[in-house]
Amino acid sequence: MTVRTLLLLCLVSTASFEVSASDPAVPKPVKERREHYVLRDAEGYVHYEITELSRISDDVNEGVVLVRDPDHGSFLLTNRLSWADGQASHSLTDVRQKDYIRVSFGSTSRARTVKEYIAEGGLLAPLVLTLTTNGGEWKGLETEWKEWSKLRTLRHSVRRTVPFYLLEALERMRGGALGASAGPYIDLIGQLVLYEPQDEPQLRLEQVEQPPACDFDDSFGYPCSEAQLKRIKKAQESGKPLSSY
């Protein structure tokens, strides 16, 4: 799925029981709904225990997914949309909320509900996304991060700042493992952080033969032998290229 599609799915996940106030001057009470369940396989093994929590108020729509992976630990998935400043964020954190990966963006929309926001076209213009971790911050247009080479560079930079256990949690939960409601949280972040096999066909690499490179080989601990060095020198003197050395 595209980043845009995943953003929409994340937004509507908190809107299922959202109702506009009949009188805008009358504040709506904070409404909260929770659902607790487990995800188990055909043999009965529980892979995840989850509580989905949704909060709706005049100012903020917030969805929080409490995830316990018996084999790996506990994590929070958070989706937050503030009507006051038009800021939206989607994050994966540890329970203490000290280690995190967060994707956020802003909008000039004046909508007061997710349904109004989507109908008004709050996601029509190219979005400036901000990706934040404990160790850095990256900003870019969603359209730019669709380009394979830029996405590859982004992933390389971001992954170096994310604790290994959080990357592993992201990898374990991606691909629909958490279901339709919680899955988009993970897939949105994962698309910007995790390497995906389906991305590879966009790159076509051509093998181009190069001259012998003993210095390069030596940097890996594989120095050229005396015989190879003599062979290379002889080829250079004769002007004949070497296909192998």
Protein backbone atom coordinates (compact mmCIF):
# COMPACT_ATOMS: atom_id res chain seq x y z
CA MET A 1 0.00 0.00 0.00
CA THR A 2 1.08 3.59 -0.52
CA VAL A 3 1.87 5.94 2.37
CA ARG A 4 -1.27 7.91 1.50
CA THR A 5 -3.52 4.84 1.72
CA LEU A 6 -1.99 3.80 5.04
CA LEU A 7 -2.47 7.32 6.46
CA LEU A 8 -6.15 7.15 5.57
CA LEU A 9 -6.52 3.74 7.20
CA CYS A 10 -4.86 5.00 10.37
CA LEU A 11 -7.15 8.01 10.51
CA VAL A 12 -10.40 6.13 9.99
CA SER A 13 -9.41 3.55 12.60
CA THR A 14 -10.28 6.10 15.31
CA ALA A 15 -13.41 7.40 13.62
CA SER A 16 -15.78 4.45 13.88
CA PHE A 17 -17.84 5.96 16.71
CA GLU A 18 -17.11 9.64 16.10
CA VAL A 19 -20.15 11.94 16.05
CA SER A 20 -20.17 15.67 15.29
CA ALA A 21 -21.65 17.87 18.00
CA SER A 22 -25.00 19.42 17.05
CA ASP A 23 -23.94 22.69 18.64
CA PRO A 24 -20.24 23.55 18.09
CA ALA A 25 -20.33 25.77 21.18
CA VAL A 26 -21.12 22.77 23.36
CA PRO A 27 -17.98 20.69 24.02
CA LYS A 28 -18.32 16.99 23.38
CA PRO A 29 -17.42 14.78 26.30
CA VAL A 30 -14.40 12.57 25.84
CA LYS A 31 -15.58 9.23 24.53
CA GLU A 32 -13.47 6.15 25.06
CA ARG A 33 -13.88 2.63 23.78
CA ARG A 34 -11.69 -0.41 24.40
CA GLU A 35 -11.54 -3.89 22.96
CA HIS A 36 -9.33 -6.68 24.30
CA TYR A 37 -8.47 -9.81 22.36
CA VAL A 38 -5.73 -12.29 21.51
CA LEU A 39 -4.41 -13.41 18.14
CA ARG A 40 -3.70 -17.12 18.05
CA ASP A 41 -2.83 -19.66 15.39
CA ALA A 42 -4.65 -22.85 14.37
CA GLU A 43 -2.87 -24.80 17.10
CA GLY A 44 -4.02 -22.40 19.80
CA TYR A 45 -0.70 -20.63 20.41
CA VAL A 46 -1.22 -16.97 21.33
CA HIS A 47 1.08 -14.75 19.26
CA TYR A 48 -0.31 -11.42 20.50
CA GLU A 49 -2.48 -10.13 23.33
CA ILE A 50 -3.98 -6.76 22.47
CA THR A 51 -6.16 -3.97 23.79
CA GLU A 52 -7.35 -1.39 21.26
CA LEU A 53 -8.23 1.92 22.86
CA SER A 54 -9.95 4.83 21.06
CA ARG A 55 -10.50 8.31 22.51
CA ILE A 56 -12.52 11.02 20.79
CA SER A 57 -12.89 14.60 22.05
CA ASP A 58 -13.36 18.12 20.67
CA ASP A 59 -9.62 18.56 20.36
CA VAL A 60 -8.07 15.17 19.66
CA ASN A 61 -8.76 11.84 18.04
CA GLU A 62 -6.45 9.23 19.51
CA GLY A 63 -6.06 5.52 19.03
CA VAL A 64 -3.71 3.41 21.13
CA VAL A 65 -2.99 -0.26 20.59
CA LEU A 66 -1.44 -2.06 23.57
CA VAL A 67 0.47 -5.05 22.19
CA ARG A 68 2.08 -7.88 24.13
CA ASP A 69 4.19 -10.34 22.15
CA PRO A 70 4.87 -13.28 24.54
CA ASP A 71 8.14 -14.00 22.75
CA HIS A 72 9.43 -10.46 22.42
CA GLY A 73 7.87 -7.94 24.81
CA SER A 74 5.24 -5.19 25.10
CA PHE A 75 4.78 -2.18 22.84
CA LEU A 76 2.48 0.77 22.17
CA LEU A 77 1.12 1.79 18.78
CA THR A 78 -0.31 5.31 18.84
CA ASN A 79 -2.31 7.24 16.26
CA ARG A 80 -3.10 10.86 17.17
CA LEU A 81 -4.85 13.63 15.25
CA SER A 82 -5.14 17.08 16.83
CA TRP A 83 -7.84 19.39 15.51
CA ALA A 84 -6.27 22.39 17.27
CA ASP A 85 -3.17 22.48 15.06
CA GLY A 86 -3.90 19.93 12.34
CA GLN A 87 -1.00 17.71 13.41
CA ALA A 88 -1.20 13.95 13.04
CA SER A 89 1.30 11.38 14.30
CA HIS A 90 1.70 7.61 14.24
CA SER A 91 4.26 5.94 16.48
CA LEU A 92 5.68 2.68 17.77
CA THR A 93 7.23 2.86 21.24
CA ASP A 94 8.28 0.68 24.14
CA VAL A 95 5.98 0.68 27.18
CA ARG A 96 8.07 3.37 28.90
CA GLN A 97 7.85 5.47 25.70
CA LYS A 98 11.59 6.12 25.78
CA ASP A 99 12.46 4.37 22.51
CA TYR A 100 10.27 5.27 19.56
CA ILE A 101 9.73 5.58 15.82
CA ARG A 102 7.25 8.30 14.87
CA VAL A 103 5.79 9.48 11.57
CA SER A 104 3.96 12.83 11.64
CA PHE A 105 2.54 15.42 9.27
CA GLY A 106 0.54 18.65 9.43
CA SER A 107 -2.52 19.99 7.64
CA THR A 108 -4.29 23.34 7.27
CA SER A 109 -7.69 21.63 7.39
CA ARG A 110 -10.40 23.20 9.54
CA ALA A 111 -12.36 19.97 9.86
CA ARG A 112 -13.52 18.83 13.28
CA THR A 113 -13.97 15.12 12.57
CA VAL A 114 -12.02 12.55 10.61
CA LYS A 115 -14.93 12.16 8.19
CA GLU A 116 -14.99 15.92 7.54
CA TYR A 117 -11.20 15.92 7.27
CA ILE A 118 -11.19 13.28 4.52
CA ALA A 119 -14.20 14.79 2.72
CA GLU A 120 -12.58 18.23 2.75
CA GLY A 121 -9.46 16.82 1.13
CA GLY A 122 -7.15 17.11 4.11
CA LEU A 123 -4.90 14.51 2.51
CA LEU A 124 -5.06 15.76 -1.08
CA ALA A 125 -1.97 17.98 -1.17
CA PRO A 126 1.48 16.35 -1.06
CA LEU A 127 2.27 15.88 2.61
CA VAL A 128 5.50 16.86 4.30
CA LEU A 129 6.27 13.85 6.48
CA THR A 130 8.54 13.98 9.52
CA LEU A 131 10.12 10.73 10.66
CA THR A 132 11.57 10.89 14.18
CA THR A 133 13.49 8.43 16.35
CA ASN A 134 15.58 8.71 19.51
CA GLY A 135 18.60 9.54 17.37
CA GLY A 136 17.40 11.77 14.55
CA GLU A 137 14.75 13.51 12.47
CA TRP A 138 14.09 13.37 8.73
CA LYS A 139 11.66 15.47 6.68
CA GLY A 140 10.51 14.94 3.12
CA LEU A 141 7.57 15.02 0.75
CA GLU A 142 5.72 11.73 0.64
CA THR A 143 6.13 11.84 -3.15
CA GLU A 144 9.92 12.06 -2.80
CA TRP A 145 10.04 9.08 -0.44
CA LYS A 146 8.25 7.00 -3.05
CA GLU A 147 11.45 7.08 -5.12
CA TRP A 148 13.37 3.89 -4.49
CA SER A 149 16.85 5.40 -4.19
CA LYS A 150 15.71 8.09 -1.73
CA LEU A 151 13.69 5.58 0.27
CA ARG A 152 16.69 3.26 0.45
CA THR A 153 18.89 6.11 1.73
CA LEU A 154 16.24 7.12 4.28
CA ARG A 155 15.88 3.57 5.61
CA HIS A 156 19.65 3.20 5.98
CA SER A 157 19.91 6.45 7.97
CA VAL A 158 16.89 5.79 10.17
CA ARG A 159 17.70 2.17 11.05
CA ARG A 160 21.08 3.19 12.49
CA THR A 161 19.26 5.23 15.17
CA VAL A 162 16.62 2.66 16.18
CA PRO A 163 17.28 0.10 18.96
CA PHE A 164 17.48 -3.42 17.58
CA TYR A 165 14.61 -4.77 19.69
CA LEU A 166 12.28 -2.08 18.32
CA LEU A 167 13.24 -2.91 14.73
CA GLU A 168 12.59 -6.58 15.46
CA ALA A 169 9.19 -5.74 16.94
CA LEU A 170 8.34 -3.83 13.77
CA GLU A 171 9.44 -6.74 11.60
CA ARG A 172 7.47 -9.29 13.67
CA MET A 173 4.25 -7.26 13.56
CA ARG A 174 4.26 -6.15 9.92
CA GLY A 175 2.39 -7.68 7.01
CA GLY A 176 -1.08 -7.80 8.56
CA ALA A 177 -0.15 -9.87 11.61
CA LEU A 178 -2.10 -7.48 13.85
CA GLY A 179 -5.24 -7.44 11.72
CA ALA A 180 -7.17 -4.77 9.84
CA SER A 181 -7.47 -2.18 12.60
CA ALA A 182 -3.98 -2.24 14.12
CA GLY A 183 -2.06 -3.34 11.04
CA PRO A 184 -1.96 0.05 9.26
CA TYR A 185 -0.08 1.58 12.22
CA ILE A 186 2.76 -0.88 11.71
CA ASP A 187 2.65 -0.92 7.92
CA LEU A 188 2.88 2.88 7.68
CA ILE A 189 6.01 3.03 9.84
CA GLY A 190 7.41 -0.14 8.35
CA GLN A 191 7.16 1.17 4.80
CA LEU A 192 9.60 3.95 5.68
CA VAL A 193 11.96 1.88 7.85
CA LEU A 194 12.02 -1.75 6.71
CA TYR A 195 13.55 -3.10 3.53
CA GLU A 196 10.92 -4.83 1.40
CA PRO A 197 11.64 -7.42 -1.34
CA GLN A 198 9.00 -5.90 -3.62
CA ASP A 199 10.99 -2.65 -3.71
CA GLU A 200 13.95 -4.30 -5.40
CA PRO A 201 12.54 -4.66 -8.96
CA GLN A 202 12.61 -0.87 -9.26
CA LEU A 203 16.42 -1.06 -9.40
CA ARG A 204 18.16 -2.53 -12.42
CA LEU A 205 21.87 -3.14 -11.88
CA GLU A 206 24.39 -3.75 -14.66
CA GLN A 207 27.64 -5.59 -14.06
CA VAL A 208 30.56 -3.53 -15.37
CA GLU A 209 34.00 -5.13 -15.40
CA GLN A 210 36.73 -3.16 -13.64
CA PRO A 211 40.55 -3.38 -13.56
CA PRO A 212 42.14 -5.55 -10.85
CA ALA A 213 41.81 -3.91 -7.42
CA CYS A 214 44.29 -5.47 -4.99
CA ASP A 215 43.94 -2.57 -2.55
CA PHE A 216 40.19 -3.17 -2.42
CA ASP A 217 40.66 -6.92 -1.85
CA ASP A 218 43.29 -6.30 0.81
CA SER A 219 40.89 -4.07 2.78
CA PHE A 220 38.77 -7.21 3.32
CA GLY A 221 41.79 -9.25 4.43
CA TYR A 222 42.36 -10.93 1.06
CA PRO A 223 45.64 -9.54 -0.33
CA CYS A 224 46.75 -10.45 -3.84
CA SER A 225 49.51 -13.03 -4.09
CA GLU A 226 52.92 -12.34 -5.65
CA ALA A 227 51.87 -14.32 -8.71
CA GLN A 228 48.73 -12.25 -9.10
CA LEU A 229 50.64 -8.99 -8.72
CA LYS A 230 53.09 -10.12 -11.43
CA ARG A 231 50.20 -11.09 -13.71
CA ILE A 232 48.57 -7.69 -13.23
CA LYS A 233 51.84 -5.84 -13.87
CA LYS A 234 52.49 -7.82 -17.04
CA ALA A 235 49.00 -7.07 -18.35
CA GLN A 236 49.42 -3.37 -17.63
CA GLU A 237 52.74 -3.27 -19.51
CA SER A 238 51.26 -5.06 -22.51
CA GLY A 239 48.09 -3.00 -22.48
CA LYS A 240 45.89 -6.08 -22.45
CA PRO A 241 42.93 -6.04 -20.06
CA LEU A 242 42.52 -8.81 -17.52
CA SER A 243 39.08 -10.38 -17.17
CA SER A 244 40.30 -12.17 -14.04
CA TYR A 245 43.39 -12.13 -11.89
